[in-house]
Amino acid sequence: MEMQELLAQINALAKKKREEGLTDEEQKRQKELYAIYLKGFRAQVKERLDNVDVTYPDGTVKSLKDAMKKKV
């Protein structure tokens, strides 16, 4: 399911919830859609952060993941 289609369904259920309420089945579907959306969103953010590099003043470049590791 595409993100636009997913958001359209989420928004339609949210509007119905505000206007007239949802049945138990619709509430379950809404939770499922939210879970799918959040999973996709988190994956996109993680992918973006995995591709970020940090450049230090001395010119060295490290991936953000390596730069965030605590030195023990």
Protein backbone atom coordinates (compact mmCIF):
# COMPACT_ATOMS: atom_id res chain seq x y z
CA MET A 1 0.00 0.00 0.00
CA GLU A 2 1.36 3.41 -0.94
CA MET A 3 1.87 6.07 1.70
CA GLN A 4 -0.66 8.43 0.05
CA GLU A 5 -3.32 5.73 0.01
CA LEU A 6 -2.52 4.82 3.60
CA LEU A 7 -2.77 8.44 4.75
CA ALA A 8 -6.08 8.85 2.92
CA GLN A 9 -7.54 5.88 4.79
CA ILE A 10 -6.17 7.09 8.12
CA ASN A 11 -7.60 10.57 7.54
CA ALA A 12 -10.98 9.19 6.48
CA LEU A 13 -11.23 7.12 9.66
CA ALA A 14 -10.09 10.08 11.79
CA LYS A 15 -12.78 12.27 10.24
CA LYS A 16 -15.43 9.62 10.80
CA LYS A 17 -14.25 9.20 14.40
CA ARG A 18 -14.71 12.94 15.04
CA GLU A 19 -18.07 13.14 13.32
CA GLU A 20 -19.90 9.99 14.31
CA GLY A 21 -17.59 7.55 16.03
CA LEU A 22 -16.10 4.26 14.91
CA THR A 23 -17.23 0.69 15.26
CA ASP A 24 -14.94 -1.80 17.01
CA GLU A 25 -13.85 -3.15 13.62
CA GLU A 26 -13.04 0.34 12.35
CA GLN A 27 -11.06 1.12 15.51
CA LYS A 28 -9.04 -2.05 14.98
CA ARG A 29 -8.42 -1.11 11.34
CA GLN A 30 -7.36 2.39 12.38
CA LYS A 31 -4.79 0.96 14.82
CA GLU A 32 -3.47 -1.36 12.10
CA LEU A 33 -3.12 1.54 9.66
CA TYR A 34 -1.33 3.66 12.26
CA ALA A 35 1.09 0.80 12.94
CA ILE A 36 1.84 0.35 9.23
CA TYR A 37 2.34 4.10 8.80
CA LEU A 38 4.66 4.41 11.81
CA LYS A 39 6.71 1.40 10.72
CA GLY A 40 7.23 2.95 7.29
CA PHE A 41 7.98 6.39 8.74
CA ARG A 42 10.55 5.00 11.17
CA ALA A 43 12.20 3.01 8.38
CA GLN A 44 12.50 6.15 6.25
CA VAL A 45 14.04 8.15 9.10
CA LYS A 46 16.48 5.34 9.92
CA GLU A 47 17.50 5.04 6.27
CA ARG A 48 18.04 8.79 6.07
CA LEU A 49 20.14 8.87 9.24
CA ASP A 50 22.19 5.88 8.09
CA ASN A 51 23.30 7.97 5.11
CA VAL A 52 24.39 11.02 7.11
CA ASP A 53 28.11 11.72 7.47
CA VAL A 54 29.73 13.97 10.07
CA THR A 55 32.71 16.07 9.00
CA TYR A 56 35.02 17.12 11.81
CA PRO A 57 37.07 20.34 11.82
CA ASP A 58 40.24 18.32 11.16
CA GLY A 59 38.70 17.03 7.91
CA THR A 60 37.90 13.50 8.99
CA VAL A 61 34.55 12.12 7.95
CA LYS A 62 32.60 9.48 9.85
CA SER A 63 29.15 8.07 9.46
CA LEU A 64 26.66 9.43 11.99
CA LYS A 65 26.35 5.98 13.52
CA ASP A 66 30.10 5.80 14.15
CA ALA A 67 30.24 9.41 15.35
CA MET A 68 27.51 8.77 17.93
CA LYS A 69 29.24 5.74 19.45
CA LYS A 70 30.52 6.50 22.94
CA LYS A 71 34.22 6.05 23.36
CA VAL A 72 34.98 3.92 26.40
